[in-house]
Amino acid sequence: MSLALYGHPFSSYTQKALIALYENATPFEFREIGPDHPDHIGAWLEKWPIGKFPMLVDGERSLVETSIIVEYLQLKHPGPVRLIPDDPLAALDVRFMDRFFDLHVMDAQQVAVASKLGQIPMKPEDGLELAHTRLRKAYDWLEGALAGKTWACGEAYTMADAAGSMSLFYADWVMEITDDWPVLKAYRQRLLTRPSFARCVEEARYFRPFFPLGAPDRD
């Protein structure tokens, strides 16, 4: 098997890559990064000493950064689900929403997590407050941007929804998406019912007690 994905099932960005693989039933080997697999850690760091996952290996080629991995899979291992439209302008919309979810939702909630873990010079309560401020702005914008749409960019499920799945899943744990944002809340529920992401959620369920802020009893 030529395709191998290095990552962790509880990692948001690993899940984003997994969604792309699951959507098209693409055969691959999952190589979990963790203390039980030191050989995987060594091989991963040898290829990518920056030390962030996921990493996709396809023969002699290694790819990092999840949006690039998703695009590569569509180019080299295409399937019936086109996560990036062929139309250039429609593809631009998808790439924008993909970036929005990564930069303004996922990155925002990670401030709270990083401050709790002592990874940034900020008190946990200040990190949580900043995360809430940033997430509230993102939620407000998404409430309008998603109105009247089934998926992030219309009626077709795309890479933007893969990004939205994992970012909104964890962001809701940091600041709950309440009925103040009914459109966004309904969208998150639709994402949870998508078989590819539902599989990711189940595969990572064991690790929930390790979420630094405490995982809520939902989803």
C-alpha atoms as a PDB file:
ATOM      1  CA  MET A   1       0.000   0.000   0.000  1.00  0.00           C
ATOM      2  CA  SER A   2       1.591   3.280  -1.086  1.00  0.00           C
ATOM      3  CA  LEU A   3      -0.446   5.736   1.003  1.00  0.00           C
ATOM      4  CA  ALA A   4       0.275   6.177   4.702  1.00  0.00           C
ATOM      5  CA  LEU A   5      -1.023   8.866   7.052  1.00  0.00           C
ATOM      6  CA  TYR A   6       0.931   9.772  10.172  1.00  0.00           C
ATOM      7  CA  GLY A   7      -1.146  11.442  12.866  1.00  0.00           C
ATOM      8  CA  HIS A   8      -3.341  10.935  15.908  1.00  0.00           C
ATOM      9  CA  PRO A   9      -7.072  10.187  15.964  1.00  0.00           C
ATOM     10  CA  PHE A  10      -7.779  12.993  18.485  1.00  0.00           C
ATOM     11  CA  SER A  11      -5.871  15.564  16.406  1.00  0.00           C
ATOM     12  CA  SER A  12      -8.190  17.991  14.643  1.00  0.00           C
ATOM     13  CA  TYR A  13      -6.013  18.326  11.573  1.00  0.00           C
ATOM     14  CA  THR A  14      -5.453  14.591  11.355  1.00  0.00           C
ATOM     15  CA  GLN A  15      -9.237  14.269  11.302  1.00  0.00           C
ATOM     16  CA  LYS A  16      -9.458  16.735   8.431  1.00  0.00           C
ATOM     17  CA  ALA A  17      -7.133  14.545   6.357  1.00  0.00           C
ATOM     18  CA  LEU A  18      -9.003  11.421   7.431  1.00  0.00           C
ATOM     19  CA  ILE A  19     -12.282  12.922   6.237  1.00  0.00           C
ATOM     20  CA  ALA A  20     -10.813  13.333   2.749  1.00  0.00           C
ATOM     21  CA  LEU A  21      -9.624   9.723   2.741  1.00  0.00           C
ATOM     22  CA  TYR A  22     -12.889   8.344   4.151  1.00  0.00           C
ATOM     23  CA  GLU A  23     -15.080  10.359   1.772  1.00  0.00           C
ATOM     24  CA  ASN A  24     -13.665   8.465  -1.196  1.00  0.00           C
ATOM     25  CA  ALA A  25     -12.863   5.191   0.564  1.00  0.00           C
ATOM     26  CA  THR A  26      -9.226   5.711  -0.399  1.00  0.00           C
ATOM     27  CA  PRO A  27      -7.045   2.803   0.774  1.00  0.00           C
ATOM     28  CA  PHE A  28      -4.300   3.880   3.185  1.00  0.00           C
ATOM     29  CA  GLU A  29      -2.398   2.800   6.258  1.00  0.00           C
ATOM     30  CA  PHE A  30      -2.856   4.859   9.417  1.00  0.00           C
ATOM     31  CA  ARG A  31       0.332   5.232  11.441  1.00  0.00           C
ATOM     32  CA  GLU A  32      -0.548   6.598  14.845  1.00  0.00           C
ATOM     33  CA  ILE A  33       1.888   8.990  16.486  1.00  0.00           C
ATOM     34  CA  GLY A  34       2.154   8.134  20.178  1.00  0.00           C
ATOM     35  CA  PRO A  35       4.229   6.433  22.859  1.00  0.00           C
ATOM     36  CA  ASP A  36       3.019   3.007  21.775  1.00  0.00           C
ATOM     37  CA  HIS A  37       4.502   3.487  18.298  1.00  0.00           C
ATOM     38  CA  PRO A  38       8.077   4.823  18.645  1.00  0.00           C
ATOM     39  CA  ASP A  39       8.925   3.555  15.167  1.00  0.00           C
ATOM     40  CA  HIS A  40       6.219   5.784  13.710  1.00  0.00           C
ATOM     41  CA  ILE A  41       7.565   8.783  15.625  1.00  0.00           C
ATOM     42  CA  GLY A  42      11.080   8.220  14.306  1.00  0.00           C
ATOM     43  CA  ALA A  43       9.991   7.845  10.697  1.00  0.00           C
ATOM     44  CA  TRP A  44       7.728  10.891  10.955  1.00  0.00           C
ATOM     45  CA  LEU A  45      10.363  13.193  12.455  1.00  0.00           C
ATOM     46  CA  GLU A  46      12.970  12.027   9.988  1.00  0.00           C
ATOM     47  CA  LYS A  47      10.765  13.241   7.157  1.00  0.00           C
ATOM     48  CA  TRP A  48       9.272  16.260   8.950  1.00  0.00           C
ATOM     49  CA  PRO A  49      11.446  17.546  11.826  1.00  0.00           C
ATOM     50  CA  ILE A  50       9.040  20.467  12.362  1.00  0.00           C
ATOM     51  CA  GLY A  51       7.076  17.849  14.308  1.00  0.00           C
ATOM     52  CA  LYS A  52       3.487  18.667  13.395  1.00  0.00           C
ATOM     53  CA  PHE A  53       0.990  16.187  12.041  1.00  0.00           C
ATOM     54  CA  PRO A  54      -0.611  14.915   9.931  1.00  0.00           C
ATOM     55  CA  MET A  55       1.841  13.864   7.278  1.00  0.00           C
ATOM     56  CA  LEU A  56       0.830  11.906   4.189  1.00  0.00           C
ATOM     57  CA  VAL A  57       3.387   9.631   2.542  1.00  0.00           C
ATOM     58  CA  ASP A  58       2.792   8.439  -0.998  1.00  0.00           C
ATOM     59  CA  GLY A  59       5.714   6.371  -2.154  1.00  0.00           C
ATOM     60  CA  GLU A  60       8.727   8.711  -2.166  1.00  0.00           C
ATOM     61  CA  ARG A  61       6.631  11.843  -1.703  1.00  0.00           C
ATOM     62  CA  SER A  62       5.769  13.281   1.714  1.00  0.00           C
ATOM     63  CA  LEU A  63       3.154  15.993   2.205  1.00  0.00           C
ATOM     64  CA  VAL A  64       2.238  18.125   5.204  1.00  0.00           C
ATOM     65  CA  GLU A  65      -0.304  20.889   5.866  1.00  0.00           C
ATOM     66  CA  THR A  66      -3.759  19.398   5.719  1.00  0.00           C
ATOM     67  CA  SER A  67      -5.293  21.548   2.992  1.00  0.00           C
ATOM     68  CA  ILE A  68      -2.369  20.602   0.736  1.00  0.00           C
ATOM     69  CA  ILE A  69      -2.917  16.932   1.591  1.00  0.00           C
ATOM     70  CA  VAL A  70      -6.600  17.195   0.624  1.00  0.00           C
ATOM     71  CA  GLU A  71      -5.710  18.865  -2.679  1.00  0.00           C
ATOM     72  CA  TYR A  72      -3.034  16.268  -3.396  1.00  0.00           C
ATOM     73  CA  LEU A  73      -5.443  13.414  -2.796  1.00  0.00           C
ATOM     74  CA  GLN A  74      -7.868  14.877  -5.302  1.00  0.00           C
ATOM     75  CA  LEU A  75      -5.097  15.246  -7.883  1.00  0.00           C
ATOM     76  CA  LYS A  76      -3.368  11.897  -7.432  1.00  0.00           C
ATOM     77  CA  HIS A  77      -6.013   9.660  -5.832  1.00  0.00           C
ATOM     78  CA  PRO A  78      -9.348  11.064  -7.035  1.00  0.00           C
ATOM     79  CA  GLY A  79     -12.688   9.549  -6.166  1.00  0.00           C
ATOM     80  CA  PRO A  80     -16.366  10.291  -6.754  1.00  0.00           C
ATOM     81  CA  VAL A  81     -16.486  13.024  -4.077  1.00  0.00           C
ATOM     82  CA  ARG A  82     -14.827  16.172  -5.408  1.00  0.00           C
ATOM     83  CA  LEU A  83     -13.814  18.152  -2.327  1.00  0.00           C
ATOM     84  CA  ILE A  84     -12.481  21.025  -4.454  1.00  0.00           C
ATOM     85  CA  PRO A  85     -14.643  22.153  -7.391  1.00  0.00           C
ATOM     86  CA  ASP A  86     -13.248  22.133 -10.896  1.00  0.00           C
ATOM     87  CA  ASP A  87     -14.548  25.652 -11.514  1.00  0.00           C
ATOM     88  CA  PRO A  88     -11.738  28.049 -10.451  1.00  0.00           C
ATOM     89  CA  LEU A  89     -13.996  30.644  -8.838  1.00  0.00           C
ATOM     90  CA  ALA A  90     -15.999  28.037  -6.948  1.00  0.00           C
ATOM     91  CA  ALA A  91     -12.710  26.476  -5.838  1.00  0.00           C
ATOM     92  CA  LEU A  92     -11.588  29.879  -4.561  1.00  0.00           C
ATOM     93  CA  ASP A  93     -14.712  30.106  -2.400  1.00  0.00           C
ATOM     94  CA  VAL A  94     -13.968  26.672  -0.965  1.00  0.00           C
ATOM     95  CA  ARG A  95     -10.360  27.568  -0.220  1.00  0.00           C
ATOM     96  CA  PHE A  96     -11.459  30.776   1.500  1.00  0.00           C
ATOM     97  CA  MET A  97     -13.924  28.980   3.779  1.00  0.00           C
ATOM     98  CA  ASP A  98     -11.310  26.315   4.476  1.00  0.00           C
ATOM     99  CA  ARG A  99      -8.915  29.064   5.589  1.00  0.00           C
ATOM    100  CA  PHE A 100     -11.621  30.789   7.621  1.00  0.00           C
ATOM    101  CA  PHE A 101     -12.360  27.667   9.650  1.00  0.00           C
ATOM    102  CA  ASP A 102      -8.679  26.911  10.214  1.00  0.00           C
ATOM    103  CA  LEU A 103      -7.574  30.457  11.066  1.00  0.00           C
ATOM    104  CA  HIS A 104     -10.592  32.001  12.773  1.00  0.00           C
ATOM    105  CA  VAL A 105     -12.233  29.037  14.491  1.00  0.00           C
ATOM    106  CA  MET A 106      -9.614  26.349  15.099  1.00  0.00           C
ATOM    107  CA  ASP A 107      -6.793  28.769  15.883  1.00  0.00           C
ATOM    108  CA  ALA A 108      -9.091  30.755  18.167  1.00  0.00           C
ATOM    109  CA  GLN A 109     -10.055  27.800  20.326  1.00  0.00           C
ATOM    110  CA  GLN A 110      -6.446  26.634  20.466  1.00  0.00           C
ATOM    111  CA  VAL A 111      -5.530  29.809  22.374  1.00  0.00           C
ATOM    112  CA  ALA A 112      -7.583  28.509  25.291  1.00  0.00           C
ATOM    113  CA  VAL A 113      -6.010  25.057  25.060  1.00  0.00           C
ATOM    114  CA  ALA A 114      -2.451  26.353  24.704  1.00  0.00           C
ATOM    115  CA  SER A 115      -2.798  28.713  27.672  1.00  0.00           C
ATOM    116  CA  LYS A 116      -4.197  25.885  29.798  1.00  0.00           C
ATOM    117  CA  LEU A 117      -1.208  23.712  28.893  1.00  0.00           C
ATOM    118  CA  GLY A 118       1.286  26.507  29.567  1.00  0.00           C
ATOM    119  CA  GLN A 119       2.410  26.552  25.937  1.00  0.00           C
ATOM    120  CA  ILE A 120       1.995  30.326  25.621  1.00  0.00           C
ATOM    121  CA  PRO A 121       2.771  33.071  28.171  1.00  0.00           C
ATOM    122  CA  MET A 122      -0.842  33.704  29.135  1.00  0.00           C
ATOM    123  CA  LYS A 123      -2.933  32.779  32.158  1.00  0.00           C
ATOM    124  CA  PRO A 124      -5.538  30.103  31.391  1.00  0.00           C
ATOM    125  CA  GLU A 125      -8.414  32.427  32.279  1.00  0.00           C
ATOM    126  CA  ASP A 126      -7.026  35.114  29.951  1.00  0.00           C
ATOM    127  CA  GLY A 127      -6.545  32.561  27.180  1.00  0.00           C
ATOM    128  CA  LEU A 128     -10.123  31.396  27.573  1.00  0.00           C
ATOM    129  CA  GLU A 129     -11.427  34.950  27.492  1.00  0.00           C
ATOM    130  CA  LEU A 130      -9.452  35.744  24.343  1.00  0.00           C
ATOM    131  CA  ALA A 131     -10.643  32.531  22.709  1.00  0.00           C
ATOM    132  CA  HIS A 132     -14.251  33.433  23.531  1.00  0.00           C
ATOM    133  CA  THR A 133     -13.819  36.914  22.055  1.00  0.00           C
ATOM    134  CA  ARG A 134     -12.407  35.544  18.823  1.00  0.00           C
ATOM    135  CA  LEU A 135     -14.914  32.693  18.578  1.00  0.00           C
ATOM    136  CA  ARG A 136     -17.858  35.007  19.156  1.00  0.00           C
ATOM    137  CA  LYS A 137     -16.770  37.104  16.165  1.00  0.00           C
ATOM    138  CA  ALA A 138     -16.322  33.982  14.035  1.00  0.00           C
ATOM    139  CA  TYR A 139     -19.696  32.555  15.090  1.00  0.00           C
ATOM    140  CA  ASP A 140     -21.433  35.832  14.294  1.00  0.00           C
ATOM    141  CA  TRP A 141     -19.895  35.965  10.823  1.00  0.00           C
ATOM    142  CA  LEU A 142     -20.645  32.319  10.077  1.00  0.00           C
ATOM    143  CA  GLU A 143     -24.264  32.732  11.161  1.00  0.00           C
ATOM    144  CA  GLY A 144     -24.778  35.036   8.200  1.00  0.00           C
ATOM    145  CA  ALA A 145     -22.411  33.340   5.761  1.00  0.00           C
ATOM    146  CA  LEU A 146     -24.061  29.925   6.150  1.00  0.00           C
ATOM    147  CA  ALA A 147     -27.669  31.124   5.933  1.00  0.00           C
ATOM    148  CA  GLY A 148     -29.639  29.299   3.252  1.00  0.00           C
ATOM    149  CA  LYS A 149     -26.868  26.765   2.582  1.00  0.00           C
ATOM    150  CA  THR A 150     -26.684  23.054   3.287  1.00  0.00           C
ATOM    151  CA  TRP A 151     -22.889  23.063   3.323  1.00  0.00           C
ATOM    152  CA  ALA A 152     -20.282  25.785   3.718  1.00  0.00           C
ATOM    153  CA  CYS A 153     -20.246  26.782   0.046  1.00  0.00           C
ATOM    154  CA  GLY A 154     -23.673  25.668  -1.106  1.00  0.00           C
ATOM    155  CA  GLU A 155     -25.211  22.278  -1.791  1.00  0.00           C
ATOM    156  CA  ALA A 156     -21.991  20.321  -2.385  1.00  0.00           C
ATOM    157  CA  TYR A 157     -19.870  18.935   0.454  1.00  0.00           C
ATOM    158  CA  THR A 158     -16.293  20.204   0.054  1.00  0.00           C
ATOM    159  CA  MET A 159     -12.933  20.650   1.729  1.00  0.00           C
ATOM    160  CA  ALA A 160     -14.435  23.648   3.527  1.00  0.00           C
ATOM    161  CA  ASP A 161     -16.817  21.302   5.328  1.00  0.00           C
ATOM    162  CA  ALA A 162     -13.965  19.006   6.286  1.00  0.00           C
ATOM    163  CA  ALA A 163     -12.327  22.037   7.902  1.00  0.00           C
ATOM    164  CA  GLY A 164     -15.597  23.118   9.458  1.00  0.00           C
ATOM    165  CA  SER A 165     -16.211  19.677  10.924  1.00  0.00           C
ATOM    166  CA  MET A 166     -13.162  19.467  13.110  1.00  0.00           C
ATOM    167  CA  SER A 167     -12.895  23.166  13.946  1.00  0.00           C
ATOM    168  CA  LEU A 168     -16.511  23.579  15.047  1.00  0.00           C
ATOM    169  CA  PHE A 169     -16.473  20.259  16.876  1.00  0.00           C
ATOM    170  CA  TYR A 170     -13.705  21.391  19.209  1.00  0.00           C
ATOM    171  CA  ALA A 171     -14.617  25.087  19.269  1.00  0.00           C
ATOM    172  CA  ASP A 172     -18.022  24.150  20.690  1.00  0.00           C
ATOM    173  CA  TRP A 173     -16.183  22.519  23.600  1.00  0.00           C
ATOM    174  CA  VAL A 174     -14.407  25.819  24.313  1.00  0.00           C
ATOM    175  CA  MET A 175     -17.434  28.065  23.783  1.00  0.00           C
ATOM    176  CA  GLU A 176     -20.707  26.282  23.166  1.00  0.00           C
ATOM    177  CA  ILE A 177     -22.577  27.115  19.975  1.00  0.00           C
ATOM    178  CA  THR A 178     -25.892  27.936  21.601  1.00  0.00           C
ATOM    179  CA  ASP A 179     -29.297  28.852  20.186  1.00  0.00           C
ATOM    180  CA  ASP A 180     -27.925  32.379  19.762  1.00  0.00           C
ATOM    181  CA  TRP A 181     -26.474  30.986  16.524  1.00  0.00           C
ATOM    182  CA  PRO A 182     -29.228  28.674  15.186  1.00  0.00           C
ATOM    183  CA  VAL A 183     -27.865  28.458  11.631  1.00  0.00           C
ATOM    184  CA  LEU A 184     -24.370  27.595  12.821  1.00  0.00           C
ATOM    185  CA  LYS A 185     -25.658  25.125  15.393  1.00  0.00           C
ATOM    186  CA  ALA A 186     -27.712  23.298  12.757  1.00  0.00           C
ATOM    187  CA  TYR A 187     -24.741  23.253  10.387  1.00  0.00           C
ATOM    188  CA  ARG A 188     -22.534  21.688  13.060  1.00  0.00           C
ATOM    189  CA  GLN A 189     -25.173  19.005  13.589  1.00  0.00           C
ATOM    190  CA  ARG A 190     -25.236  18.229   9.866  1.00  0.00           C
ATOM    191  CA  LEU A 191     -21.458  17.869   9.901  1.00  0.00           C
ATOM    192  CA  LEU A 192     -21.703  15.378  12.760  1.00  0.00           C
ATOM    193  CA  THR A 193     -24.046  13.181  10.724  1.00  0.00           C
ATOM    194  CA  ARG A 194     -21.694  13.009   7.738  1.00  0.00           C
ATOM    195  CA  PRO A 195     -20.399   9.398   7.807  1.00  0.00           C
ATOM    196  CA  SER A 196     -16.761  10.381   7.223  1.00  0.00           C
ATOM    197  CA  PHE A 197     -16.683  12.742  10.206  1.00  0.00           C
ATOM    198  CA  ALA A 198     -18.916  10.559  12.370  1.00  0.00           C
ATOM    199  CA  ARG A 199     -16.261   7.866  11.942  1.00  0.00           C
ATOM    200  CA  CYS A 200     -13.532  10.288  13.069  1.00  0.00           C
ATOM    201  CA  VAL A 201     -15.552  11.226  16.148  1.00  0.00           C
ATOM    202  CA  GLU A 202     -15.992   7.592  17.158  1.00  0.00           C
ATOM    203  CA  GLU A 203     -12.350   6.696  16.537  1.00  0.00           C
ATOM    204  CA  ALA A 204     -11.258   9.540  18.836  1.00  0.00           C
ATOM    205  CA  ARG A 205     -13.846   9.044  21.591  1.00  0.00           C
ATOM    206  CA  TYR A 206     -11.420   7.139  23.860  1.00  0.00           C
ATOM    207  CA  PHE A 207      -9.168  10.200  24.104  1.00  0.00           C
ATOM    208  CA  ARG A 208     -11.802  12.725  25.252  1.00  0.00           C
ATOM    209  CA  PRO A 209     -10.754  12.653  28.926  1.00  0.00           C
ATOM    210  CA  PHE A 210      -7.397  14.106  27.822  1.00  0.00           C
ATOM    211  CA  PHE A 211      -8.913  17.341  26.468  1.00  0.00           C
ATOM    212  CA  PRO A 212      -7.228  20.015  28.634  1.00  0.00           C
ATOM    213  CA  LEU A 213     -10.373  22.032  29.292  1.00  0.00           C
ATOM    214  CA  GLY A 214     -12.558  19.008  29.924  1.00  0.00           C
ATOM    215  CA  ALA A 215     -14.768  17.519  27.221  1.00  0.00           C
ATOM    216  CA  PRO A 216     -18.510  18.165  27.594  1.00  0.00           C
ATOM    217  CA  ASP A 217     -20.917  15.248  27.733  1.00  0.00           C
ATOM    218  CA  ARG A 218     -22.394  15.747  24.269  1.00  0.00           C
ATOM    219  CA  ASP A 219     -21.811  14.594  20.690  1.00  0.00           C
END
